[in-house]
Amino acid sequence: NPFNPVTNVEYTLSQAGNVEIVVYDIMGRQVDAIYNDFKSNGTHSIVWDASTKSSGIYYIQIKSNNSIKTEKVVLMK
């Protein structure tokens, strides 16, 4: 899943609720906050523009309704 410098993050919610999407670097430091607001149930997508970030491995974490999902992505410039 290498990308440069924009990637699309898709996720599905079984029930409406607050959604927080954050990005961490390989050291576990938060490097970006993509979204933090209410979303209805269903499938959604959001774009992460990493043009100001360095090449490397990042983790995109989606938190919603007591559920956490993390996906590894690779930024290659």
PDB file of N, CA and C in Angstrom:
ATOM      1  N   ASN A   1       0.800  -1.204   0.000  1.00  0.00           N
ATOM      2  CA  ASN A   1       0.000   0.000   0.000  1.00  0.00           C
ATOM      3  C   ASN A   1       0.846   1.274   0.000  1.00  0.00           C
ATOM      4  N   PRO A   2       1.985   1.285  -0.673  1.00  0.00           N
ATOM      5  CA  PRO A   2       2.728   2.549  -0.728  1.00  0.00           C
ATOM      6  C   PRO A   2       1.902   3.648  -1.386  1.00  0.00           C
ATOM      7  N   PHE A   3       2.064   4.875  -0.900  1.00  0.00           N
ATOM      8  CA  PHE A   3       1.356   6.013  -1.480  1.00  0.00           C
ATOM      9  C   PHE A   3       2.288   7.212  -1.537  1.00  0.00           C
ATOM     10  N   ASN A   4       1.943   8.191  -2.353  1.00  0.00           N
ATOM     11  CA  ASN A   4       2.755   9.383  -2.490  1.00  0.00           C
ATOM     12  C   ASN A   4       1.921  10.511  -3.068  1.00  0.00           C
ATOM     13  N   PRO A   5       1.713  11.594  -2.386  1.00  0.00           N
ATOM     14  CA  PRO A   5       1.744  11.794  -0.940  1.00  0.00           C
ATOM     15  C   PRO A   5       0.345  11.762  -0.327  1.00  0.00           C
ATOM     16  N   VAL A   6      -0.665  11.311  -1.103  1.00  0.00           N
ATOM     17  CA  VAL A   6      -2.049  11.326  -0.620  1.00  0.00           C
ATOM     18  C   VAL A   6      -2.603   9.908  -0.617  1.00  0.00           C
ATOM     19  N   THR A   7      -3.322   9.555   0.453  1.00  0.00           N
ATOM     20  CA  THR A   7      -3.981   8.255   0.501  1.00  0.00           C
ATOM     21  C   THR A   7      -5.417   8.429   0.968  1.00  0.00           C
ATOM     22  N   ASN A   8      -6.268   7.534   0.526  1.00  0.00           N
ATOM     23  CA  ASN A   8      -7.677   7.555   0.884  1.00  0.00           C
ATOM     24  C   ASN A   8      -7.925   6.496   1.956  1.00  0.00           C
ATOM     25  N   VAL A   9      -8.524   6.885   3.060  1.00  0.00           N
ATOM     26  CA  VAL A   9      -8.819   5.984   4.171  1.00  0.00           C
ATOM     27  C   VAL A   9     -10.316   5.699   4.153  1.00  0.00           C
ATOM     28  N   GLU A  10     -10.683   4.429   3.972  1.00  0.00           N
ATOM     29  CA  GLU A  10     -12.092   4.044   3.981  1.00  0.00           C
ATOM     30  C   GLU A  10     -12.396   3.236   5.237  1.00  0.00           C
ATOM     31  N   TYR A  11     -13.581   3.464   5.792  1.00  0.00           N
ATOM     32  CA  TYR A  11     -13.995   2.730   6.990  1.00  0.00           C
ATOM     33  C   TYR A  11     -15.513   2.653   7.025  1.00  0.00           C
ATOM     34  N   THR A  12     -16.004   1.642   7.737  1.00  0.00           N
ATOM     35  CA  THR A  12     -17.443   1.420   7.861  1.00  0.00           C
ATOM     36  C   THR A  12     -17.826   1.407   9.334  1.00  0.00           C
ATOM     37  N   LEU A  13     -18.888   2.120   9.670  1.00  0.00           N
ATOM     38  CA  LEU A  13     -19.407   2.164  11.033  1.00  0.00           C
ATOM     39  C   LEU A  13     -20.718   1.400  11.101  1.00  0.00           C
ATOM     40  N   SER A  14     -20.827   0.493  12.054  1.00  0.00           N
ATOM     41  CA  SER A  14     -22.071  -0.247  12.223  1.00  0.00           C
ATOM     42  C   SER A  14     -23.121   0.597  12.946  1.00  0.00           C
ATOM     43  N   GLN A  15     -22.654   1.594  13.709  1.00  0.00           N
ATOM     44  CA  GLN A  15     -23.576   2.515  14.360  1.00  0.00           C
ATOM     45  C   GLN A  15     -22.962   3.904  14.396  1.00  0.00           C
ATOM     46  N   ALA A  16     -23.807   4.913  14.447  1.00  0.00           N
ATOM     47  CA  ALA A  16     -23.335   6.295  14.467  1.00  0.00           C
ATOM     48  C   ALA A  16     -22.565   6.570  15.750  1.00  0.00           C
ATOM     49  N   GLY A  17     -21.662   7.513  15.682  1.00  0.00           N
ATOM     50  CA  GLY A  17     -20.908   7.880  16.870  1.00  0.00           C
ATOM     51  C   GLY A  17     -19.752   8.791  16.525  1.00  0.00           C
ATOM     52  N   ASN A  18     -19.012   9.192  17.553  1.00  0.00           N
ATOM     53  CA  ASN A  18     -17.850  10.033  17.344  1.00  0.00           C
ATOM     54  C   ASN A  18     -16.725   9.201  16.745  1.00  0.00           C
ATOM     55  N   VAL A  19     -16.045   9.766  15.774  1.00  0.00           N
ATOM     56  CA  VAL A  19     -14.940   9.089  15.104  1.00  0.00           C
ATOM     57  C   VAL A  19     -13.703   9.957  15.253  1.00  0.00           C
ATOM     58  N   GLU A  20     -12.608   9.328  15.661  1.00  0.00           N
ATOM     59  CA  GLU A  20     -11.326  10.016  15.750  1.00  0.00           C
ATOM     60  C   GLU A  20     -10.329   9.255  14.895  1.00  0.00           C
ATOM     61  N   ILE A  21      -9.692   9.959  13.955  1.00  0.00           N
ATOM     62  CA  ILE A  21      -8.696   9.346  13.079  1.00  0.00           C
ATOM     63  C   ILE A  21      -7.390  10.097  13.266  1.00  0.00           C
ATOM     64  N   VAL A  22      -6.374   9.374  13.731  1.00  0.00           N
ATOM     65  CA  VAL A  22      -5.066   9.983  13.979  1.00  0.00           C
ATOM     66  C   VAL A  22      -3.982   9.162  13.292  1.00  0.00           C
ATOM     67  N   VAL A  23      -2.852   9.810  13.043  1.00  0.00           N
ATOM     68  CA  VAL A  23      -1.721   9.156  12.385  1.00  0.00           C
ATOM     69  C   VAL A  23      -0.531   9.179  13.327  1.00  0.00           C
ATOM     70  N   TYR A  24       0.149   8.021  13.438  1.00  0.00           N
ATOM     71  CA  TYR A  24       1.333   7.882  14.273  1.00  0.00           C
ATOM     72  C   TYR A  24       2.525   7.496  13.413  1.00  0.00           C
ATOM     73  N   ASP A  25       3.708   7.924  13.831  1.00  0.00           N
ATOM     74  CA  ASP A  25       4.910   7.492  13.134  1.00  0.00           C
ATOM     75  C   ASP A  25       5.373   6.156  13.703  1.00  0.00           C
ATOM     76  N   ILE A  26       6.470   5.642  13.194  1.00  0.00           N
ATOM     77  CA  ILE A  26       6.969   4.323  13.592  1.00  0.00           C
ATOM     78  C   ILE A  26       7.373   4.283  15.072  1.00  0.00           C
ATOM     79  N   MET A  27       7.645   5.452  15.664  1.00  0.00           N
ATOM     80  CA  MET A  27       8.029   5.534  17.077  1.00  0.00           C
ATOM     81  C   MET A  27       6.816   5.689  17.996  1.00  0.00           C
ATOM     82  N   GLY A  28       5.620   5.751  17.405  1.00  0.00           N
ATOM     83  CA  GLY A  28       4.407   5.873  18.207  1.00  0.00           C
ATOM     84  C   GLY A  28       4.010   7.297  18.531  1.00  0.00           C
ATOM     85  N   ARG A  29       4.689   8.259  17.928  1.00  0.00           N
ATOM     86  CA  ARG A  29       4.343   9.666  18.155  1.00  0.00           C
ATOM     87  C   ARG A  29       3.222  10.085  17.211  1.00  0.00           C
ATOM     88  N   GLN A  30       2.247  10.813  17.745  1.00  0.00           N
ATOM     89  CA  GLN A  30       1.170  11.312  16.887  1.00  0.00           C
ATOM     90  C   GLN A  30       1.728  12.397  15.982  1.00  0.00           C
ATOM     91  N   VAL A  31       1.525  12.248  14.664  1.00  0.00           N
ATOM     92  CA  VAL A  31       2.048  13.220  13.703  1.00  0.00           C
ATOM     93  C   VAL A  31       0.942  13.988  12.993  1.00  0.00           C
ATOM     94  N   ASP A  32      -0.285  13.518  13.094  1.00  0.00           N
ATOM     95  CA  ASP A  32      -1.394  14.206  12.427  1.00  0.00           C
ATOM     96  C   ASP A  32      -2.717  13.760  13.038  1.00  0.00           C
ATOM     97  N   ALA A  33      -3.680  14.664  13.045  1.00  0.00           N
ATOM     98  CA  ALA A  33      -5.055  14.355  13.432  1.00  0.00           C
ATOM     99  C   ALA A  33      -5.912  14.641  12.212  1.00  0.00           C
ATOM    100  N   ILE A  34      -6.469  13.594  11.618  1.00  0.00           N
ATOM    101  CA  ILE A  34      -7.201  13.747  10.365  1.00  0.00           C
ATOM    102  C   ILE A  34      -8.654  14.146  10.596  1.00  0.00           C
ATOM    103  N   TYR A  35      -9.290  13.556  11.621  1.00  0.00           N
ATOM    104  CA  TYR A  35     -10.721  13.789  11.821  1.00  0.00           C
ATOM    105  C   TYR A  35     -11.082  13.521  13.273  1.00  0.00           C
ATOM    106  N   ASN A  36     -11.988  14.311  13.811  1.00  0.00           N
ATOM    107  CA  ASN A  36     -12.514  14.074  15.154  1.00  0.00           C
ATOM    108  C   ASN A  36     -13.880  14.731  15.244  1.00  0.00           C
ATOM    109  N   ASP A  37     -14.923  13.954  14.916  1.00  0.00           N
ATOM    110  CA  ASP A  37     -16.279  14.499  14.915  1.00  0.00           C
ATOM    111  C   ASP A  37     -17.281  13.350  14.799  1.00  0.00           C
ATOM    112  N   PHE A  38     -18.549  13.680  14.813  1.00  0.00           N
ATOM    113  CA  PHE A  38     -19.617  12.692  14.722  1.00  0.00           C
ATOM    114  C   PHE A  38     -19.803  12.230  13.282  1.00  0.00           C
ATOM    115  N   LYS A  39     -20.039  10.929  13.100  1.00  0.00           N
ATOM    116  CA  LYS A  39     -20.360  10.362  11.784  1.00  0.00           C
ATOM    117  C   LYS A  39     -21.550   9.417  11.932  1.00  0.00           C
ATOM    118  N   SER A  40     -22.382   9.370  10.898  1.00  0.00           N
ATOM    119  CA  SER A  40     -23.501   8.433  10.884  1.00  0.00           C
ATOM    120  C   SER A  40     -22.987   7.035  10.543  1.00  0.00           C
ATOM    121  N   ASN A  41     -23.840   6.032  10.731  1.00  0.00           N
ATOM    122  CA  ASN A  41     -23.431   4.675  10.367  1.00  0.00           C
ATOM    123  C   ASN A  41     -23.309   4.575   8.845  1.00  0.00           C
ATOM    124  N   GLY A  42     -22.544   3.582   8.399  1.00  0.00           N
ATOM    125  CA  GLY A  42     -22.326   3.400   6.966  1.00  0.00           C
ATOM    126  C   GLY A  42     -20.856   3.484   6.612  1.00  0.00           C
ATOM    127  N   THR A  43     -20.595   3.542   5.310  1.00  0.00           N
ATOM    128  CA  THR A  43     -19.230   3.581   4.806  1.00  0.00           C
ATOM    129  C   THR A  43     -18.814   5.025   4.540  1.00  0.00           C
ATOM    130  N   HIS A  44     -17.602   5.360   4.965  1.00  0.00           N
ATOM    131  CA  HIS A  44     -17.073   6.712   4.823  1.00  0.00           C
ATOM    132  C   HIS A  44     -15.648   6.638   4.301  1.00  0.00           C
ATOM    133  N   SER A  45     -15.177   7.746   3.776  1.00  0.00           N
ATOM    134  CA  SER A  45     -13.779   7.821   3.373  1.00  0.00           C
ATOM    135  C   SER A  45     -13.264   9.223   3.650  1.00  0.00           C
ATOM    136  N   ILE A  46     -11.964   9.303   3.890  1.00  0.00           N
ATOM    137  CA  ILE A  46     -11.316  10.586   4.149  1.00  0.00           C
ATOM    138  C   ILE A  46      -9.923  10.522   3.553  1.00  0.00           C
ATOM    139  N   VAL A  47      -9.423  11.653   3.123  1.00  0.00           N
ATOM    140  CA  VAL A  47      -8.114  11.717   2.479  1.00  0.00           C
ATOM    141  C   VAL A  47      -7.080  12.225   3.478  1.00  0.00           C
ATOM    142  N   TRP A  48      -5.921  11.558   3.510  1.00  0.00           N
ATOM    143  CA  TRP A  48      -4.788  12.047   4.296  1.00  0.00           C
ATOM    144  C   TRP A  48      -3.730  12.552   3.328  1.00  0.00           C
ATOM    145  N   ASP A  49      -3.429  13.841   3.406  1.00  0.00           N
ATOM    146  CA  ASP A  49      -2.389  14.461   2.585  1.00  0.00           C
ATOM    147  C   ASP A  49      -1.112  14.510   3.421  1.00  0.00           C
ATOM    148  N   ALA A  50      -0.151  13.680   3.064  1.00  0.00           N
ATOM    149  CA  ALA A  50       1.099  13.576   3.817  1.00  0.00           C
ATOM    150  C   ALA A  50       2.248  14.292   3.109  1.00  0.00           C
ATOM    151  N   SER A  51       1.921  15.310   2.325  1.00  0.00           N
ATOM    152  CA  SER A  51       2.955  15.990   1.542  1.00  0.00           C
ATOM    153  C   SER A  51       4.001  16.685   2.416  1.00  0.00           C
ATOM    154  N   THR A  52       3.658  16.991   3.665  1.00  0.00           N
ATOM    155  CA  THR A  52       4.634  17.635   4.556  1.00  0.00           C
ATOM    156  C   THR A  52       5.376  16.635   5.434  1.00  0.00           C
ATOM    157  N   LYS A  53       5.106  15.351   5.266  1.00  0.00           N
ATOM    158  CA  LYS A  53       5.729  14.303   6.085  1.00  0.00           C
ATOM    159  C   LYS A  53       6.895  13.655   5.342  1.00  0.00           C
ATOM    160  N   SER A  54       7.787  13.031   6.087  1.00  0.00           N
ATOM    161  CA  SER A  54       8.921  12.321   5.505  1.00  0.00           C
ATOM    162  C   SER A  54       8.500  10.932   5.055  1.00  0.00           C
ATOM    163  N   SER A  55       9.238  10.384   4.110  1.00  0.00           N
ATOM    164  CA  SER A  55       8.990   8.999   3.690  1.00  0.00           C
ATOM    165  C   SER A  55       9.144   8.074   4.884  1.00  0.00           C
ATOM    166  N   GLY A  56       8.361   7.008   4.908  1.00  0.00           N
ATOM    167  CA  GLY A  56       8.460   6.049   5.997  1.00  0.00           C
ATOM    168  C   GLY A  56       7.156   5.340   6.265  1.00  0.00           C
ATOM    169  N   ILE A  57       7.140   4.609   7.371  1.00  0.00           N
ATOM    170  CA  ILE A  57       5.972   3.835   7.784  1.00  0.00           C
ATOM    171  C   ILE A  57       5.159   4.656   8.779  1.00  0.00           C
ATOM    172  N   TYR A  58       3.856   4.663   8.566  1.00  0.00           N
ATOM    173  CA  TYR A  58       2.932   5.366   9.458  1.00  0.00           C
ATOM    174  C   TYR A  58       1.782   4.424   9.813  1.00  0.00           C
ATOM    175  N   TYR A  59       1.139   4.711  10.919  1.00  0.00           N
ATOM    176  CA  TYR A  59      -0.027   3.939  11.364  1.00  0.00           C
ATOM    177  C   TYR A  59      -1.221   4.869  11.461  1.00  0.00           C
ATOM    178  N   ILE A  60      -2.281   4.541  10.728  1.00  0.00           N
ATOM    179  CA  ILE A  60      -3.513   5.318  10.779  1.00  0.00           C
ATOM    180  C   ILE A  60      -4.471   4.581  11.706  1.00  0.00           C
ATOM    181  N   GLN A  61      -4.909   5.267  12.757  1.00  0.00           N
ATOM    182  CA  GLN A  61      -5.768   4.643  13.764  1.00  0.00           C
ATOM    183  C   GLN A  61      -7.140   5.305  13.751  1.00  0.00           C
ATOM    184  N   ILE A  62      -8.178   4.452  13.690  1.00  0.00           N
ATOM    185  CA  ILE A  62      -9.562   4.918  13.702  1.00  0.00           C
ATOM    186  C   ILE A  62     -10.211   4.425  14.996  1.00  0.00           C
ATOM    187  N   LYS A  63     -10.705   5.363  15.801  1.00  0.00           N
ATOM    188  CA  LYS A  63     -11.391   5.034  17.051  1.00  0.00           C
ATOM    189  C   LYS A  63     -12.843   5.448  16.925  1.00  0.00           C
ATOM    190  N   SER A  64     -13.760   4.514  17.277  1.00  0.00           N
ATOM    191  CA  SER A  64     -15.179   4.830  17.247  1.00  0.00           C
ATOM    192  C   SER A  64     -15.952   3.808  18.073  1.00  0.00           C
ATOM    193  N   ASN A  65     -16.868   4.278  18.893  1.00  0.00           N
ATOM    194  CA  ASN A  65     -17.772   3.399  19.646  1.00  0.00           C
ATOM    195  C   ASN A  65     -17.033   2.263  20.344  1.00  0.00           C
ATOM    196  N   ASN A  66     -16.019   2.588  21.107  1.00  0.00           N
ATOM    197  CA  ASN A  66     -15.232   1.612  21.859  1.00  0.00           C
ATOM    198  C   ASN A  66     -14.514   0.610  20.971  1.00  0.00           C
ATOM    199  N   SER A  67     -14.283   0.959  19.717  1.00  0.00           N
ATOM    200  CA  SER A  67     -13.567   0.105  18.779  1.00  0.00           C
ATOM    201  C   SER A  67     -12.356   0.869  18.249  1.00  0.00           C
ATOM    202  N   ILE A  68     -11.243   0.156  18.095  1.00  0.00           N
ATOM    203  CA  ILE A  68     -10.030   0.771  17.558  1.00  0.00           C
ATOM    204  C   ILE A  68      -9.500  -0.114  16.441  1.00  0.00           C
ATOM    205  N   LYS A  69      -9.226   0.500  15.290  1.00  0.00           N
ATOM    206  CA  LYS A  69      -8.624  -0.223  14.175  1.00  0.00           C
ATOM    207  C   LYS A  69      -7.409   0.573  13.716  1.00  0.00           C
ATOM    208  N   THR A  70      -6.300  -0.138  13.505  1.00  0.00           N
ATOM    209  CA  THR A  70      -5.060   0.489  13.086  1.00  0.00           C
ATOM    210  C   THR A  70      -4.577  -0.165  11.801  1.00  0.00           C
ATOM    211  N   GLU A  71      -4.156   0.685  10.849  1.00  0.00           N
ATOM    212  CA  GLU A  71      -3.655   0.181   9.575  1.00  0.00           C
ATOM    213  C   GLU A  71      -2.288   0.807   9.288  1.00  0.00           C
ATOM    214  N   LYS A  72      -1.357  -0.035   8.841  1.00  0.00           N
ATOM    215  CA  LYS A  72      -0.027   0.447   8.482  1.00  0.00           C
ATOM    216  C   LYS A  72      -0.031   0.910   7.044  1.00  0.00           C
ATOM    217  N   VAL A  73       0.589   2.069   6.790  1.00  0.00           N
ATOM    218  CA  VAL A  73       0.734   2.593   5.434  1.00  0.00           C
ATOM    219  C   VAL A  73       2.194   3.015   5.232  1.00  0.00           C
ATOM    220  N   VAL A  74       2.626   3.025   3.985  1.00  0.00           N
ATOM    221  CA  VAL A  74       4.003   3.383   3.667  1.00  0.00           C
ATOM    222  C   VAL A  74       3.998   4.576   2.732  1.00  0.00           C
ATOM    223  N   LEU A  75       4.621   5.670   3.186  1.00  0.00           N
ATOM    224  CA  LEU A  75       4.760   6.862   2.368  1.00  0.00           C
ATOM    225  C   LEU A  75       6.096   6.803   1.650  1.00  0.00           C
ATOM    226  N   MET A  76       6.042   6.822   0.321  1.00  0.00           N
ATOM    227  CA  MET A  76       7.262   6.786  -0.492  1.00  0.00           C
ATOM    228  C   MET A  76       7.288   8.023  -1.378  1.00  0.00           C
ATOM    229  N   LYS A  77       8.265   8.876  -1.134  1.00  0.00           N
ATOM    230  CA  LYS A  77       8.387  10.106  -1.930  1.00  0.00           C
ATOM    231  C   LYS A  77       9.482   9.945  -2.962  1.00  0.00           C
TER     232      LYS A  77
END
